[in-house]
C-alpha atoms as a PDB file:
ATOM      1  CA  MET A   1     -53.998 -11.893  43.631  1.00  0.00           C
ATOM      2  CA  ARG A   2     -53.350 -13.440  46.422  1.00  0.00           C
ATOM      3  CA  VAL A   3     -53.729 -13.214  50.410  1.00  0.00           C
ATOM      4  CA  VAL A   4     -50.797 -12.114  53.052  1.00  0.00           C
ATOM      5  CA  LEU A   5     -48.535 -15.613  52.522  1.00  0.00           C
ATOM      6  CA  GLY A   6     -47.622 -15.031  56.796  1.00  0.00           C
ATOM      7  CA  ASP A   7     -43.989 -16.517  57.565  1.00  0.00           C
ATOM      8  CA  SER A   8     -41.862 -16.944  54.092  1.00  0.00           C
ATOM      9  CA  GLU A   9     -38.367 -15.808  53.420  1.00  0.00           C
ATOM     10  CA  VAL A  10     -39.455 -12.379  51.927  1.00  0.00           C
ATOM     11  CA  ASN A  11     -41.939 -11.712  54.364  1.00  0.00           C
ATOM     12  CA  ASP A  12     -39.620 -12.169  57.283  1.00  0.00           C
ATOM     13  CA  SER A  13     -36.929 -10.237  55.699  1.00  0.00           C
ATOM     14  CA  LEU A  14     -39.424  -6.983  55.617  1.00  0.00           C
ATOM     15  CA  VAL A  15     -40.546  -7.242  59.279  1.00  0.00           C
ATOM     16  CA  GLU A  16     -36.619  -7.843  60.182  1.00  0.00           C
ATOM     17  CA  THR A  17     -35.836  -4.477  58.112  1.00  0.00           C
ATOM     18  CA  LEU A  18     -39.345  -2.390  59.299  1.00  0.00           C
ATOM     19  CA  THR A  19     -38.416  -3.749  63.227  1.00  0.00           C
ATOM     20  CA  ASN A  20     -34.157  -3.323  62.965  1.00  0.00           C
ATOM     21  CA  ASP A  21     -33.778  -0.811  60.675  1.00  0.00           C
ATOM     22  CA  ALA A  22     -36.942   0.716  59.991  1.00  0.00           C
ATOM     23  CA  GLY A  23     -35.136   4.045  58.273  1.00  0.00           C
ATOM     24  CA  SER A  24     -33.948   1.876  55.223  1.00  0.00           C
ATOM     25  CA  PHE A  25     -37.424   0.355  54.362  1.00  0.00           C
ATOM     26  CA  TRP A  26     -38.014   2.953  52.159  1.00  0.00           C
ATOM     27  CA  TYR A  27     -34.731   2.409  49.748  1.00  0.00           C
ATOM     28  CA  PHE A  28     -35.142  -1.311  50.278  1.00  0.00           C
ATOM     29  CA  ASN A  29     -38.976  -1.778  48.996  1.00  0.00           C
ATOM     30  CA  ASN A  30     -40.422  -1.473  45.857  1.00  0.00           C
ATOM     31  CA  GLY A  31     -43.681   0.055  47.361  1.00  0.00           C
ATOM     32  CA  ILE A  32     -47.363  -0.521  47.274  1.00  0.00           C
ATOM     33  CA  THR A  33     -50.345   0.149  44.147  1.00  0.00           C
ATOM     34  CA  VAL A  34     -53.455   0.551  45.404  1.00  0.00           C
ATOM     35  CA  LEU A  35     -56.902   1.048  42.724  1.00  0.00           C
ATOM     36  CA  CYS A  36     -59.599   2.734  44.095  1.00  0.00           C
ATOM     37  CA  GLU A  37     -62.989   3.741  42.815  1.00  0.00           C
ATOM     38  CA  SER A  38     -62.805   7.474  43.640  1.00  0.00           C
ATOM     39  CA  VAL A  39     -59.966  10.062  44.657  1.00  0.00           C
ATOM     40  CA  GLU A  40     -61.144  13.332  46.593  1.00  0.00           C
ATOM     41  CA  LYS A  41     -59.404  16.244  47.982  1.00  0.00           C
ATOM     42  CA  SER A  42     -60.199  18.486  51.207  1.00  0.00           C
ATOM     43  CA  PRO A  43     -60.341  22.239  50.528  1.00  0.00           C
ATOM     44  CA  ALA A  44     -56.919  22.510  52.758  1.00  0.00           C
ATOM     45  CA  TYR A  45     -53.969  23.461  51.017  1.00  0.00           C
ATOM     46  CA  GLY A  46     -56.200  24.691  47.855  1.00  0.00           C
ATOM     47  CA  ALA A  47     -56.543  23.551  44.252  1.00  0.00           C
ATOM     48  CA  ASP A  48     -52.714  21.997  44.751  1.00  0.00           C
ATOM     49  CA  ARG A  49     -52.893  18.609  44.108  1.00  0.00           C
ATOM     50  CA  ARG A  50     -49.415  17.452  45.026  1.00  0.00           C
ATOM     51  CA  LEU A  51     -50.292  18.348  48.855  1.00  0.00           C
ATOM     52  CA  GLY A  52     -53.389  18.085  51.053  1.00  0.00           C
ATOM     53  CA  ASN A  53     -55.987  15.255  52.822  1.00  0.00           C
ATOM     54  CA  PHE A  54     -57.149  13.221  50.464  1.00  0.00           C
ATOM     55  CA  THR A  55     -60.064  10.456  50.818  1.00  0.00           C
ATOM     56  CA  PHE A  56     -59.654   7.330  48.405  1.00  0.00           C
ATOM     57  CA  SER A  57     -62.831   5.195  48.166  1.00  0.00           C
ATOM     58  CA  GLY A  58     -62.858   1.601  47.152  1.00  0.00           C
ATOM     59  CA  ALA A  59     -59.410   1.107  47.849  1.00  0.00           C
ATOM     60  CA  SER A  60     -57.844  -2.551  46.624  1.00  0.00           C
ATOM     61  CA  VAL A  61     -54.161  -3.068  47.027  1.00  0.00           C
ATOM     62  CA  VAL A  62     -53.430  -4.719  43.776  1.00  0.00           C
ATOM     63  CA  ASN A  63     -49.530  -4.827  44.165  1.00  0.00           C
ATOM     64  CA  GLY A  64     -47.747  -4.936  47.308  1.00  0.00           C
ATOM     65  CA  ALA A  65     -50.012  -7.092  49.743  1.00  0.00           C
ATOM     66  CA  GLN A  66     -46.945  -8.959  51.156  1.00  0.00           C
ATOM     67  CA  THR A  67     -45.357  -5.233  52.330  1.00  0.00           C
ATOM     68  CA  VAL A  68     -48.728  -4.541  53.855  1.00  0.00           C
ATOM     69  CA  GLY A  69     -48.906  -7.437  55.571  1.00  0.00           C
ATOM     70  CA  SER A  70     -45.435  -7.425  56.935  1.00  0.00           C
ATOM     71  CA  ILE A  71     -45.803  -3.894  58.022  1.00  0.00           C
ATOM     72  CA  ALA A  72     -48.867  -5.005  59.803  1.00  0.00           C
ATOM     73  CA  ARG A  73     -47.097  -7.671  61.917  1.00  0.00           C
ATOM     74  CA  ALA A  74     -43.989  -5.260  62.390  1.00  0.00           C
ATOM     75  CA  ALA A  75     -46.362  -2.681  64.187  1.00  0.00           C
ATOM     76  CA  LYS A  76     -47.535  -5.522  66.420  1.00  0.00           C
ATOM     77  CA  ARG A  77     -44.179  -5.358  67.594  1.00  0.00           C
ATOM     78  CA  SER A  78     -42.878  -1.835  67.883  1.00  0.00           C
ATOM     79  CA  GLU A  79     -43.342   1.803  66.953  1.00  0.00           C
ATOM     80  CA  LEU A  80     -42.621   2.483  63.102  1.00  0.00           C
ATOM     81  CA  ASP A  81     -41.961   6.176  63.590  1.00  0.00           C
ATOM     82  CA  GLN A  82     -38.983   5.734  60.889  1.00  0.00           C
ATOM     83  CA  ALA A  83     -40.443   3.792  58.542  1.00  0.00           C
ATOM     84  CA  ARG A  84     -41.730   5.126  55.271  1.00  0.00           C
ATOM     85  CA  VAL A  85     -43.016   3.195  52.240  1.00  0.00           C
ATOM     86  CA  MET A  86     -44.249   4.915  48.813  1.00  0.00           C
ATOM     87  CA  VAL A  87     -47.770   4.106  48.135  1.00  0.00           C
ATOM     88  CA  ARG A  88     -49.143   4.577  44.493  1.00  0.00           C
ATOM     89  CA  PHE A  89     -53.244   5.309  44.281  1.00  0.00           C
ATOM     90  CA  ILE A  90     -54.766   4.845  41.132  1.00  0.00           C
ATOM     91  CA  SER A  91     -58.454   6.390  40.156  1.00  0.00           C
ATOM     92  CA  LEU A  92     -60.447   4.175  38.281  1.00  0.00           C
ATOM     93  CA  GLU A  93     -63.101   6.875  37.601  1.00  0.00           C
ATOM     94  CA  GLY A  94     -63.525   7.413  34.213  1.00  0.00           C
ATOM     95  CA  ALA A  95     -61.289   4.734  32.930  1.00  0.00           C
ATOM     96  CA  PRO A  96     -62.126   1.804  30.760  1.00  0.00           C
ATOM     97  CA  ALA A  97     -63.695  -1.045  32.384  1.00  0.00           C
ATOM     98  CA  GLU A  98     -60.886  -3.304  31.762  1.00  0.00           C
ATOM     99  CA  PHE A  99     -58.364  -0.912  33.020  1.00  0.00           C
ATOM    100  CA  ALA A 100     -58.045  -2.239  36.733  1.00  0.00           C
ATOM    101  CA  THR A 101     -57.254  -5.783  35.188  1.00  0.00           C
ATOM    102  CA  SER A 102     -54.659  -4.597  33.259  1.00  0.00           C
ATOM    103  CA  VAL A 103     -52.967  -2.724  35.915  1.00  0.00           C
ATOM    104  CA  THR A 104     -53.407  -5.787  38.350  1.00  0.00           C
ATOM    105  CA  ARG A 105     -51.518  -8.124  35.582  1.00  0.00           C
ATOM    106  CA  ALA A 106     -49.162  -5.847  34.533  1.00  0.00           C
ATOM    107  CA  THR A 107     -47.808  -4.883  38.310  1.00  0.00           C
ATOM    108  CA  ASN A 108     -47.784  -7.982  38.976  1.00  0.00           C
ATOM    109  CA  THR A 109     -45.784  -9.616  35.814  1.00  0.00           C
ATOM    110  CA  GLN A 110     -41.803  -9.167  36.105  1.00  0.00           C
ATOM    111  CA  ASN A 111     -39.152 -11.532  34.990  1.00  0.00           C
ATOM    112  CA  ARG A 112     -38.202 -13.518  37.728  1.00  0.00           C
ATOM    113  CA  ILE A 113     -35.029 -12.527  39.467  1.00  0.00           C
ATOM    114  CA  GLY A 114     -32.865 -15.690  40.310  1.00  0.00           C
ATOM    115  CA  GLY A 115     -29.123 -16.500  41.834  1.00  0.00           C
ATOM    116  CA  ARG A 116     -27.335 -15.889  38.799  1.00  0.00           C
ATOM    117  CA  ASP A 117     -28.739 -12.354  38.627  1.00  0.00           C
ATOM    118  CA  PHE A 118     -26.978 -11.696  41.783  1.00  0.00           C
ATOM    119  CA  LEU A 119     -23.442 -12.431  40.296  1.00  0.00           C
ATOM    120  CA  SER A 120     -22.939  -9.260  38.719  1.00  0.00           C
ATOM    121  CA  LEU A 121     -22.836  -7.570  42.273  1.00  0.00           C
ATOM    122  CA  ASP A 122     -19.787  -9.726  42.997  1.00  0.00           C
ATOM    123  CA  PRO A 123     -16.479  -8.213  42.085  1.00  0.00           C
ATOM    124  CA  GLU A 124     -14.799 -11.568  41.978  1.00  0.00           C
ATOM    125  CA  GLN A 125     -16.862 -12.185  38.463  1.00  0.00           C
ATOM    126  CA  ALA A 126     -15.804  -8.729  36.934  1.00  0.00           C
ATOM    127  CA  ARG A 127     -12.654  -9.253  38.067  1.00  0.00           C
ATOM    128  CA  LEU A 128     -12.324 -12.559  36.033  1.00  0.00           C
ATOM    129  CA  LYS A 129     -14.108 -11.172  33.005  1.00  0.00           C
ATOM    130  CA  SER A 130     -11.175  -8.517  32.957  1.00  0.00           C
ATOM    131  CA  GLU A 131      -8.753 -11.148  33.531  1.00  0.00           C
ATOM    132  CA  PHE A 132      -9.929 -13.199  30.354  1.00  0.00           C
ATOM    133  CA  GLY A 133      -9.954  -9.882  28.221  1.00  0.00           C
ATOM    134  CA  LEU A 134      -6.400  -9.348  29.093  1.00  0.00           C
ATOM    135  CA  GLU A 135      -6.199 -12.766  27.619  1.00  0.00           C
ATOM    136  CA  GLY A 136      -8.390 -12.068  24.425  1.00  0.00           C
ATOM    137  CA  LEU A 137     -10.661 -13.793  25.524  1.00  0.00           C
ATOM    138  CA  GLU A 138     -14.746 -13.179  26.953  1.00  0.00           C
ATOM    139  CA  TYR A 139     -16.388 -14.160  29.810  1.00  0.00           C
ATOM    140  CA  VAL A 140     -19.766 -14.040  30.457  1.00  0.00           C
ATOM    141  CA  TYR A 141     -21.728 -13.418  34.027  1.00  0.00           C
ATOM    142  CA  ARG A 142     -24.950 -11.399  33.614  1.00  0.00           C
ATOM    143  CA  SER A 143     -28.042 -12.367  32.954  1.00  0.00           C
ATOM    144  CA  GLY A 144     -28.973 -11.859  29.435  1.00  0.00           C
ATOM    145  CA  GLU A 145     -25.449 -11.715  27.816  1.00  0.00           C
ATOM    146  CA  ALA A 146     -25.062 -14.081  24.599  1.00  0.00           C
ATOM    147  CA  ASP A 147     -22.610 -16.872  25.590  1.00  0.00           C
ATOM    148  CA  PRO A 148     -19.191 -16.081  23.833  1.00  0.00           C
ATOM    149  CA  GLU A 149     -17.963 -18.979  21.035  1.00  0.00           C
ATOM    150  CA  PRO A 150     -16.112 -21.961  22.794  1.00  0.00           C
ATOM    151  CA  ALA A 151     -13.154 -20.677  21.517  1.00  0.00           C
ATOM    152  CA  LYS A 152     -13.601 -17.642  22.129  1.00  0.00           C
ATOM    153  CA  GLY A 153     -14.239 -17.583  25.995  1.00  0.00           C
ATOM    154  CA  CYS A 154     -17.013 -19.336  28.567  1.00  0.00           C
ATOM    155  CA  SER A 155     -20.020 -18.398  30.862  1.00  0.00           C
ATOM    156  CA  VAL A 156     -20.112 -18.343  34.448  1.00  0.00           C
ATOM    157  CA  VAL A 157     -22.624 -21.704  33.930  1.00  0.00           C
ATOM    158  CA  GLU A 158     -19.363 -23.236  32.454  1.00  0.00           C
ATOM    159  CA  ALA A 159     -17.212 -21.861  35.204  1.00  0.00           C
ATOM    160  CA  THR A 160     -19.652 -23.066  37.764  1.00  0.00           C
ATOM    161  CA  ILE A 161     -20.041 -26.424  36.434  1.00  0.00           C
ATOM    162  CA  ALA A 162     -16.312 -27.021  36.177  1.00  0.00           C
ATOM    163  CA  LEU A 163     -15.181 -25.514  39.357  1.00  0.00           C
ATOM    164  CA  ALA A 164     -17.699 -27.456  41.095  1.00  0.00           C
ATOM    165  CA  CYS A 165     -16.394 -31.140  39.663  1.00  0.00           C
ATOM    166  CA  ALA A 166     -12.430 -30.157  40.425  1.00  0.00           C
ATOM    167  CA  GLN A 167     -13.637 -29.886  44.018  1.00  0.00           C
ATOM    168  CA  GLN A 168     -12.150 -32.875  45.943  1.00  0.00           C
ATOM    169  CA  GLU A 169     -15.632 -33.550  47.597  1.00  0.00           C
ATOM    170  CA  VAL A 170     -18.045 -35.539  45.195  1.00  0.00           C
ATOM    171  CA  SER A 171     -20.888 -33.253  46.544  1.00  0.00           C
ATOM    172  CA  LEU A 172     -20.298 -30.098  44.325  1.00  0.00           C
ATOM    173  CA  SER A 173     -20.491 -32.137  40.993  1.00  0.00           C
ATOM    174  CA  THR A 174     -23.735 -33.494  42.363  1.00  0.00           C
ATOM    175  CA  GLN A 175     -25.225 -30.286  43.187  1.00  0.00           C
ATOM    176  CA  ALA A 176     -24.149 -29.042  40.099  1.00  0.00           C
ATOM    177  CA  LYS A 177     -25.891 -31.815  38.606  1.00  0.00           C
ATOM    178  CA  ARG A 178     -28.905 -31.411  40.310  1.00  0.00           C
ATOM    179  CA  GLU A 179     -29.593 -27.862  40.694  1.00  0.00           C
ATOM    180  CA  ILE A 180     -26.569 -25.757  39.612  1.00  0.00           C
ATOM    181  CA  SER A 181     -28.801 -22.510  40.811  1.00  0.00           C
ATOM    182  CA  ARG A 182     -27.952 -23.537  44.535  1.00  0.00           C
ATOM    183  CA  LEU A 183     -24.446 -22.892  44.005  1.00  0.00           C
ATOM    184  CA  TRP A 184     -25.206 -19.615  43.787  1.00  0.00           C
ATOM    185  CA  ASP A 185     -27.448 -18.698  46.539  1.00  0.00           C
ATOM    186  CA  ALA A 186     -25.565 -16.548  48.602  1.00  0.00           C
ATOM    187  CA  ILE A 187     -22.186 -14.545  46.899  1.00  0.00           C
ATOM    188  CA  ASP A 188     -20.919 -13.965  50.170  1.00  0.00           C
ATOM    189  CA  ARG A 189     -20.557 -17.197  51.959  1.00  0.00           C
ATOM    190  CA  GLY A 190     -20.916 -21.118  51.868  1.00  0.00           C
ATOM    191  CA  LEU A 191     -20.514 -22.970  48.400  1.00  0.00           C
ATOM    192  CA  TYR A 192     -20.116 -20.215  45.872  1.00  0.00           C
ATOM    193  CA  LYS A 193     -17.156 -18.914  47.505  1.00  0.00           C
ATOM    194  CA  ARG A 194     -15.647 -22.072  47.505  1.00  0.00           C
ATOM    195  CA  LEU A 195     -15.642 -21.675  43.766  1.00  0.00           C
ATOM    196  CA  PHE A 196     -15.377 -18.143  43.425  1.00  0.00           C
ATOM    197  CA  ASN A 197     -13.167 -16.152  45.578  1.00  0.00           C
ATOM    198  CA  PRO A 198      -9.692 -14.154  45.391  1.00  0.00           C
ATOM    199  CA  SER A 199      -7.478 -17.043  44.812  1.00  0.00           C
ATOM    200  CA  VAL A 200      -9.411 -18.619  41.293  1.00  0.00           C
ATOM    201  CA  ASP A 201      -7.747 -16.913  38.630  1.00  0.00           C
ATOM    202  CA  PHE A 202      -8.434 -17.080  34.878  1.00  0.00           C
ATOM    203  CA  HIS A 203      -5.931 -19.827  34.344  1.00  0.00           C
ATOM    204  CA  ARG A 204      -8.029 -22.257  36.874  1.00  0.00           C
ATOM    205  CA  VAL A 205     -11.372 -20.717  35.479  1.00  0.00           C
ATOM    206  CA  TRP A 206     -10.543 -21.367  31.484  1.00  0.00           C
ATOM    207  CA  ARG A 207      -8.389 -24.832  31.966  1.00  0.00           C
ATOM    208  CA  ALA A 208     -11.193 -26.552  33.624  1.00  0.00           C
ATOM    209  CA  VAL A 209     -13.508 -25.434  31.601  1.00  0.00           C
ATOM    210  CA  GLN A 210     -11.332 -26.679  28.409  1.00  0.00           C
ATOM    211  CA  ILE A 211     -10.982 -30.096  30.421  1.00  0.00           C
ATOM    212  CA  MET A 212     -15.065 -29.964  30.937  1.00  0.00           C
ATOM    213  CA  ARG A 213     -15.443 -29.663  27.439  1.00  0.00           C
ATOM    214  CA  GLN A 214     -13.333 -32.548  26.329  1.00  0.00           C
ATOM    215  CA  VAL A 215     -15.046 -34.542  28.826  1.00  0.00           C
ATOM    216  CA  ASP A 216     -18.399 -33.672  27.697  1.00  0.00           C
ATOM    217  CA  GLU A 217     -17.164 -34.365  23.920  1.00  0.00           C
ATOM    218  CA  ARG A 218     -16.005 -37.940  24.760  1.00  0.00           C
ATOM    219  CA  LEU A 219     -19.617 -38.500  26.956  1.00  0.00           C
ATOM    220  CA  ARG A 220     -21.660 -37.394  23.853  1.00  0.00           C
ATOM    221  CA  GLU A 221     -19.984 -39.908  21.729  1.00  0.00           C
ATOM    222  CA  ILE A 222     -20.294 -42.922  24.036  1.00  0.00           C
ATOM    223  CA  ALA A 223     -24.049 -41.890  24.397  1.00  0.00           C
ATOM    224  CA  ALA A 224     -24.373 -41.581  20.531  1.00  0.00           C
ATOM    225  CA  GLN A 225     -22.744 -45.444  20.499  1.00  0.00           C
ATOM    226  CA  THR A 226     -24.453 -47.063  22.931  1.00  0.00           C
ATOM    227  CA  ASP A 227     -28.184 -47.419  24.653  1.00  0.00           C
ATOM    228  CA  GLY A 228     -30.021 -49.068  27.662  1.00  0.00           C
ATOM    229  CA  ARG A 229     -28.154 -48.111  31.333  1.00  0.00           C
ATOM    230  CA  GLU A 230     -24.702 -47.254  29.492  1.00  0.00           C
ATOM    231  CA  ARG A 231     -26.057 -44.303  27.700  1.00  0.00           C
ATOM    232  CA  GLY A 232     -28.190 -43.623  30.879  1.00  0.00           C
ATOM    233  CA  VAL A 233     -24.657 -43.401  32.271  1.00  0.00           C
ATOM    234  CA  ALA A 234     -23.256 -41.378  29.948  1.00  0.00           C
ATOM    235  CA  ILE A 235     -25.776 -38.821  29.864  1.00  0.00           C
ATOM    236  CA  HIS A 236     -26.552 -38.185  33.576  1.00  0.00           C
ATOM    237  CA  GLY A 237     -23.903 -38.991  35.082  1.00  0.00           C
ATOM    238  CA  ASN A 238     -21.599 -36.328  32.798  1.00  0.00           C
ATOM    239  CA  ARG A 239     -20.427 -34.347  36.182  1.00  0.00           C
ATOM    240  CA  PHE A 240     -19.959 -37.360  38.314  1.00  0.00           C
ATOM    241  CA  ILE A 241     -17.469 -38.539  35.659  1.00  0.00           C
ATOM    242  CA  LEU A 242     -16.009 -35.068  35.065  1.00  0.00           C
ATOM    243  CA  HIS A 243     -15.187 -34.986  38.291  1.00  0.00           C
ATOM    244  CA  ILE A 244     -13.653 -38.521  38.275  1.00  0.00           C
ATOM    245  CA  VAL A 245     -11.274 -37.182  35.574  1.00  0.00           C
ATOM    246  CA  PHE A 246     -10.419 -34.272  37.708  1.00  0.00           C
ATOM    247  CA  SER A 247      -9.225 -36.813  40.617  1.00  0.00           C
ATOM    248  CA  GLN A 248      -6.995 -37.735  38.115  1.00  0.00           C
ATOM    249  CA  LEU A 249      -4.823 -34.677  37.175  1.00  0.00           C
ATOM    250  CA  PRO A 250      -2.596 -32.690  38.683  1.00  0.00           C
ATOM    251  CA  LEU A 251      -5.155 -29.867  39.895  1.00  0.00           C
ATOM    252  CA  LYS A 252      -1.954 -28.067  42.377  1.00  0.00           C
ATOM    253  CA  LYS A 253      -0.980 -26.967  38.931  1.00  0.00           C
ATOM    254  CA  LEU A 254      -4.370 -26.120  37.401  1.00  0.00           C
ATOM    255  CA  ASP A 255      -3.489 -21.886  38.272  1.00  0.00           C
ATOM    256  CA  ASP A 256       0.208 -22.451  37.650  1.00  0.00           C
ATOM    257  CA  ALA A 257       0.689 -20.194  34.547  1.00  0.00           C
ATOM    258  CA  LYS A 258       3.739 -21.616  33.706  1.00  0.00           C
ATOM    259  CA  PHE A 259       2.764 -25.164  34.019  1.00  0.00           C
ATOM    260  CA  ASP A 260       2.022 -26.712  30.632  1.00  0.00           C
ATOM    261  CA  TRP A 261      -1.420 -28.197  30.526  1.00  0.00           C
ATOM    262  CA  GLU A 262      -1.982 -29.034  26.929  1.00  0.00           C
ATOM    263  CA  PRO A 263      -1.088 -32.576  27.459  1.00  0.00           C
ATOM    264  CA  HIS A 264      -3.550 -32.883  30.252  1.00  0.00           C
ATOM    265  CA  ILE A 265      -6.502 -31.286  28.109  1.00  0.00           C
ATOM    266  CA  GLY A 266      -5.605 -33.671  25.740  1.00  0.00           C
ATOM    267  CA  LEU A 267      -5.518 -36.730  27.864  1.00  0.00           C
ATOM    268  CA  ALA A 268      -9.191 -35.466  29.233  1.00  0.00           C
ATOM    269  CA  GLN A 269     -11.229 -37.811  27.009  1.00  0.00           C
ATOM    270  CA  ALA A 270      -8.879 -40.948  27.376  1.00  0.00           C
ATOM    271  CA  TRP A 271      -9.208 -40.229  31.063  1.00  0.00           C
ATOM    272  CA  ALA A 272     -13.233 -39.996  30.472  1.00  0.00           C
ATOM    273  CA  GLN A 273     -13.594 -43.289  28.773  1.00  0.00           C
ATOM    274  CA  VAL A 274     -11.731 -44.976  31.542  1.00  0.00           C
ATOM    275  CA  ALA A 275     -13.814 -43.264  34.163  1.00  0.00           C
ATOM    276  CA  PHE A 276     -16.889 -44.007  32.135  1.00  0.00           C
ATOM    277  CA  ALA A 277     -16.112 -47.797  32.201  1.00  0.00           C
ATOM    278  CA  ARG A 278     -15.507 -48.250  35.870  1.00  0.00           C
ATOM    279  CA  THR A 279     -18.499 -45.874  36.684  1.00  0.00           C
ATOM    280  CA  VAL A 280     -20.874 -48.483  34.599  1.00  0.00           C
ATOM    281  CA  ASP A 281     -18.902 -51.701  36.587  1.00  0.00           C
ATOM    282  CA  ILE A 282     -19.262 -50.787  39.684  1.00  0.00           C
ATOM    283  CA  SER A 283     -22.262 -49.186  39.167  1.00  0.00           C
ATOM    284  CA  ASP A 284     -24.417 -51.925  37.856  1.00  0.00           C
ATOM    285  CA  ALA A 285     -22.946 -54.057  40.794  1.00  0.00           C
ATOM    286  CA  GLU A 286     -23.623 -51.848  43.602  1.00  0.00           C
ATOM    287  CA  PHE A 287     -25.812 -49.164  42.705  1.00  0.00           C
ATOM    288  CA  PRO A 288     -28.535 -50.739  40.151  1.00  0.00           C
ATOM    289  CA  GLY A 289     -31.463 -48.620  39.140  1.00  0.00           C
ATOM    290  CA  TYR A 290     -32.014 -45.646  36.931  1.00  0.00           C
ATOM    291  CA  PRO A 291     -29.194 -43.687  36.610  1.00  0.00           C
ATOM    292  CA  ALA A 292     -30.397 -40.306  36.747  1.00  0.00           C
ATOM    293  CA  SER A 293     -31.726 -40.585  40.123  1.00  0.00           C
ATOM    294  CA  LEU A 294     -28.237 -42.217  41.221  1.00  0.00           C
ATOM    295  CA  PHE A 295     -26.142 -39.612  39.819  1.00  0.00           C
ATOM    296  CA  LYS A 296     -28.313 -36.667  41.773  1.00  0.00           C
ATOM    297  CA  ASN A 297     -27.827 -38.445  45.036  1.00  0.00           C
ATOM    298  CA  VAL A 298     -25.141 -37.290  47.002  1.00  0.00           C
ATOM    299  CA  SER A 299     -24.561 -40.512  49.320  1.00  0.00           C
ATOM    300  CA  LYS A 300     -24.513 -42.749  46.998  1.00  0.00           C
ATOM    301  CA  CYS A 301     -22.490 -40.670  44.218  1.00  0.00           C
ATOM    302  CA  THR A 302     -19.638 -40.306  47.535  1.00  0.00           C
ATOM    303  CA  GLY A 303     -19.602 -44.232  48.050  1.00  0.00           C
ATOM    304  CA  LEU A 304     -19.431 -45.010  44.248  1.00  0.00           C
ATOM    305  CA  GLY A 305     -16.818 -41.972  43.785  1.00  0.00           C
ATOM    306  CA  ALA A 306     -14.343 -43.762  46.533  1.00  0.00           C
ATOM    307  CA  ARG A 307     -14.741 -46.949  44.697  1.00  0.00           C
ATOM    308  CA  VAL A 308     -14.114 -45.369  40.997  1.00  0.00           C
ATOM    309  CA  LYS A 309     -11.343 -43.771  42.402  1.00  0.00           C
ATOM    310  CA  ALA A 310      -9.909 -46.524  44.292  1.00  0.00           C
ATOM    311  CA  GLU A 311      -9.846 -48.794  40.855  1.00  0.00           C
ATOM    312  CA  LEU A 312      -8.451 -46.167  38.830  1.00  0.00           C
ATOM    313  CA  LYS A 313      -5.474 -46.063  41.629  1.00  0.00           C
ATOM    314  CA  MET A 314      -4.793 -49.733  41.395  1.00  0.00           C
ATOM    315  CA  ASN A 315      -5.498 -50.372  37.753  1.00  0.00           C
ATOM    316  CA  PRO A 316      -4.887 -46.925  35.897  1.00  0.00           C
ATOM    317  CA  ASN A 317      -5.311 -47.336  31.901  1.00  0.00           C
ATOM    318  CA  VAL A 318      -4.164 -44.183  31.455  1.00  0.00           C
ATOM    319  CA  SER A 319       0.112 -44.288  32.376  1.00  0.00           C
ATOM    320  CA  SER A 320       1.383 -42.145  34.783  1.00  0.00           C
ATOM    321  CA  SER A 321       3.958 -40.854  32.582  1.00  0.00           C
ATOM    322  CA  GLU A 322       1.272 -39.297  30.847  1.00  0.00           C
ATOM    323  CA  ARG A 323      -0.319 -37.793  33.430  1.00  0.00           C
END
């Protein structure tokens, strides 16, 4: 299918395991598939095909080339006496003409494993699911599961976006807009742990999601009623505006079970309208250009966010008593 790719994150990881933890390679690797024209067994061990000396003629690796190449690289560095790998040899002798192509295609076709798939390994996600369940709600985080109806729960995608936009820095909301999967890159550190850790409970997630839904609803209405650059800001600036709305709310109370958040959730649409208007005015003057590019640029969003927050602090359109 392709030659050995050389240096890559996956191949470097294979070499690292072979060099420093060779005994684990058997457990970590999926193995190699080899097609061959024929298989012959020497007389040793009689007719038992489970054990013996075999000759594989016309052998060709059709799956696992990167494993083979990585083993070769590691073998140049050190002895690999402890390393083991599963190899499957398939004889084409007597097989239909198209069988080799079918095997090659099938062994190299799989559903891509992405960042979200690894969330199932994080116990914090299972904990949140249990907490939602205790409240009679559903929290979905495994790939392939259907999202619940809005009134009955939320997904980890909604939770990730809402929690990212609720952070003090605008950079996380920008990342959520640009490429949300990067927030799931490593479930044991970095940005992911800022969003999902033992201190993040059901109340924080569910309230943040409810606020996000209110803001999104108002921005969809604005987009339907406007055109041109204003419409672009309502569509492409949705995560930025959500971040601005969160900055105007008492986020320290977000996970306080006794704090009544209903009034603040009710004000989310009003704050969205104000934040949208300020964002349009300031971005028109200081950050002209296509909104889609603006709201994926961390540096520009940081500057714009500071200006919008300062404007809202000096001239809030939602009274402090309502806040």
